[in-house]
Amino acid sequence: MRSMVVNLMWKHFFTKTNNKNVIVLISWEQRHSAEKINGTAYHVYGYNYSLNNLSINPSIKKDQNLNGLNGEFNGEELHFKYKNAAEIKTYLQSHYK
């Protein structure tokens, strides 16, 4: 049985149109020799926070820039840009005003 280590980081730094959001970054190692995948996968999730409840932020969910691979995929070198809170915050503040 293979084990998987998932790294989790969450921050509350992004406010859009008077709504509070919780931002979660999840990363995990991807190694598949047959598919020539070797690297770290990343996915950023956003949740609206209101009245002590969380709900999915649909804008962030649909944003394809907020998930990807940092490493090799089928011989191509890929570089995911948003691997920490500062990079994610800068991206969100520049794309979601």
C-alpha atoms as a PDB file:
ATOM      1  CA  MET A   1       0.000   0.000   0.000  1.00  0.00           C
ATOM      2  CA  ARG A   2       1.320   3.457  -0.932  1.00  0.00           C
ATOM      3  CA  SER A   3       1.133   6.238   1.553  1.00  0.00           C
ATOM      4  CA  MET A   4       0.443   9.819   0.621  1.00  0.00           C
ATOM      5  CA  VAL A   5       1.555  12.868   2.529  1.00  0.00           C
ATOM      6  CA  VAL A   6      -0.655  15.914   2.051  1.00  0.00           C
ATOM      7  CA  ASN A   7       0.626  19.309   3.105  1.00  0.00           C
ATOM      8  CA  LEU A   8      -2.072  21.725   4.199  1.00  0.00           C
ATOM      9  CA  MET A   9      -1.814  25.475   4.642  1.00  0.00           C
ATOM     10  CA  TRP A  10      -4.735  27.792   5.285  1.00  0.00           C
ATOM     11  CA  LYS A  11      -4.897  31.530   5.586  1.00  0.00           C
ATOM     12  CA  HIS A  12      -7.585  34.124   6.113  1.00  0.00           C
ATOM     13  CA  PHE A  13      -6.306  37.095   4.148  1.00  0.00           C
ATOM     14  CA  PHE A  14      -8.617  37.563   1.214  1.00  0.00           C
ATOM     15  CA  THR A  15     -11.781  39.667   1.327  1.00  0.00           C
ATOM     16  CA  LYS A  16     -13.897  40.101  -1.787  1.00  0.00           C
ATOM     17  CA  THR A  17     -16.978  42.316  -1.949  1.00  0.00           C
ATOM     18  CA  ASN A  18     -17.357  42.461   1.832  1.00  0.00           C
ATOM     19  CA  ASN A  19     -17.241  38.670   2.206  1.00  0.00           C
ATOM     20  CA  LYS A  20     -14.574  36.950   4.272  1.00  0.00           C
ATOM     21  CA  ASN A  21     -12.816  34.031   2.632  1.00  0.00           C
ATOM     22  CA  VAL A  22     -10.732  31.153   3.924  1.00  0.00           C
ATOM     23  CA  ILE A  23      -7.996  30.096   1.510  1.00  0.00           C
ATOM     24  CA  VAL A  24      -6.549  26.574   1.671  1.00  0.00           C
ATOM     25  CA  LEU A  25      -3.477  25.318  -0.204  1.00  0.00           C
ATOM     26  CA  ILE A  26      -3.051  21.560  -0.455  1.00  0.00           C
ATOM     27  CA  SER A  27       0.050  19.953  -1.958  1.00  0.00           C
ATOM     28  CA  TRP A  28       1.132  16.361  -2.446  1.00  0.00           C
ATOM     29  CA  GLU A  29       3.887  14.462  -4.202  1.00  0.00           C
ATOM     30  CA  GLN A  30       3.028  12.925  -7.583  1.00  0.00           C
ATOM     31  CA  ARG A  31       5.242  10.113  -8.901  1.00  0.00           C
ATOM     32  CA  HIS A  32       4.037   7.972 -11.805  1.00  0.00           C
ATOM     33  CA  SER A  33       6.819   6.555 -13.972  1.00  0.00           C
ATOM     34  CA  ALA A  34       4.495   5.132 -16.659  1.00  0.00           C
ATOM     35  CA  GLU A  35       2.864   8.527 -17.208  1.00  0.00           C
ATOM     36  CA  LYS A  36       6.192  10.364 -16.725  1.00  0.00           C
ATOM     37  CA  ILE A  37       4.893  12.445 -13.819  1.00  0.00           C
ATOM     38  CA  ASN A  38       7.341  13.535 -11.142  1.00  0.00           C
ATOM     39  CA  GLY A  39       6.741  16.539  -8.899  1.00  0.00           C
ATOM     40  CA  THR A  40       4.442  18.218  -6.438  1.00  0.00           C
ATOM     41  CA  ALA A  41       0.765  18.846  -7.217  1.00  0.00           C
ATOM     42  CA  TYR A  42      -0.927  21.947  -5.792  1.00  0.00           C
ATOM     43  CA  HIS A  43      -4.554  22.974  -5.418  1.00  0.00           C
ATOM     44  CA  VAL A  44      -5.862  26.211  -3.908  1.00  0.00           C
ATOM     45  CA  TYR A  45      -9.384  26.119  -2.454  1.00  0.00           C
ATOM     46  CA  GLY A  46     -11.431  29.124  -1.429  1.00  0.00           C
ATOM     47  CA  TYR A  47     -14.369  29.183   0.953  1.00  0.00           C
ATOM     48  CA  ASN A  48     -16.728  32.034   1.808  1.00  0.00           C
ATOM     49  CA  TYR A  49     -17.056  32.532   5.557  1.00  0.00           C
ATOM     50  CA  SER A  50     -20.322  33.984   6.810  1.00  0.00           C
ATOM     51  CA  LEU A  51     -22.369  33.491   9.971  1.00  0.00           C
ATOM     52  CA  ASN A  52     -19.992  30.765  11.228  1.00  0.00           C
ATOM     53  CA  ASN A  53     -20.467  28.746   8.026  1.00  0.00           C
ATOM     54  CA  LEU A  54     -18.141  27.910   5.150  1.00  0.00           C
ATOM     55  CA  SER A  55     -19.294  27.533   1.557  1.00  0.00           C
ATOM     56  CA  ILE A  56     -17.265  27.019  -1.600  1.00  0.00           C
ATOM     57  CA  ASN A  57     -16.197  30.208  -3.358  1.00  0.00           C
ATOM     58  CA  PRO A  58     -17.261  29.408  -6.959  1.00  0.00           C
ATOM     59  CA  SER A  59     -14.943  31.987  -8.558  1.00  0.00           C
ATOM     60  CA  ILE A  60     -11.860  30.484  -6.956  1.00  0.00           C
ATOM     61  CA  LYS A  61     -13.076  26.937  -7.640  1.00  0.00           C
ATOM     62  CA  LYS A  62     -13.291  27.681 -11.386  1.00  0.00           C
ATOM     63  CA  ASP A  63      -9.914  29.445 -11.595  1.00  0.00           C
ATOM     64  CA  GLN A  64      -7.621  27.019 -13.446  1.00  0.00           C
ATOM     65  CA  ASN A  65      -4.552  29.063 -12.473  1.00  0.00           C
ATOM     66  CA  LEU A  66      -4.970  27.892  -8.874  1.00  0.00           C
ATOM     67  CA  ASN A  67      -4.086  24.243  -9.403  1.00  0.00           C
ATOM     68  CA  GLY A  68      -1.196  22.577 -11.132  1.00  0.00           C
ATOM     69  CA  LEU A  69       2.047  20.648 -10.958  1.00  0.00           C
ATOM     70  CA  ASN A  70       5.536  21.789 -10.117  1.00  0.00           C
ATOM     71  CA  GLY A  71       7.823  19.239 -11.743  1.00  0.00           C
ATOM     72  CA  GLU A  72       7.855  17.068 -14.839  1.00  0.00           C
ATOM     73  CA  PHE A  73       4.839  15.911 -16.838  1.00  0.00           C
ATOM     74  CA  ASN A  74       5.406  13.734 -19.919  1.00  0.00           C
ATOM     75  CA  GLY A  75       8.878  15.200 -20.455  1.00  0.00           C
ATOM     76  CA  GLU A  76       7.754  18.818 -20.027  1.00  0.00           C
ATOM     77  CA  GLU A  77       8.953  20.891 -17.074  1.00  0.00           C
ATOM     78  CA  LEU A  78       6.015  22.617 -15.321  1.00  0.00           C
ATOM     79  CA  HIS A  79       6.235  25.425 -12.758  1.00  0.00           C
ATOM     80  CA  PHE A  80       3.251  26.143 -10.502  1.00  0.00           C
ATOM     81  CA  LYS A  81       3.347  29.808  -9.448  1.00  0.00           C
ATOM     82  CA  TYR A  82       1.307  29.880  -6.232  1.00  0.00           C
ATOM     83  CA  LYS A  83       3.050  27.685  -3.644  1.00  0.00           C
ATOM     84  CA  ASN A  84       2.721  29.851  -0.538  1.00  0.00           C
ATOM     85  CA  ALA A  85       0.433  32.365   1.153  1.00  0.00           C
ATOM     86  CA  ALA A  86       2.245  35.453  -0.160  1.00  0.00           C
ATOM     87  CA  GLU A  87       2.061  34.311  -3.809  1.00  0.00           C
ATOM     88  CA  ILE A  88      -1.594  33.294  -3.492  1.00  0.00           C
ATOM     89  CA  LYS A  89      -2.507  36.566  -1.782  1.00  0.00           C
ATOM     90  CA  THR A  90      -0.821  38.646  -4.504  1.00  0.00           C
ATOM     91  CA  TYR A  91      -2.620  36.677  -7.227  1.00  0.00           C
ATOM     92  CA  LEU A  92      -6.043  36.916  -5.575  1.00  0.00           C
ATOM     93  CA  GLN A  93      -5.726  40.623  -4.853  1.00  0.00           C
ATOM     94  CA  SER A  94      -4.743  41.359  -8.459  1.00  0.00           C
ATOM     95  CA  HIS A  95      -7.427  39.165 -10.080  1.00  0.00           C
ATOM     96  CA  TYR A  96     -10.382  39.509  -7.698  1.00  0.00           C
ATOM     97  CA  LYS A  97     -11.158  43.116  -6.840  1.00  0.00           C
END
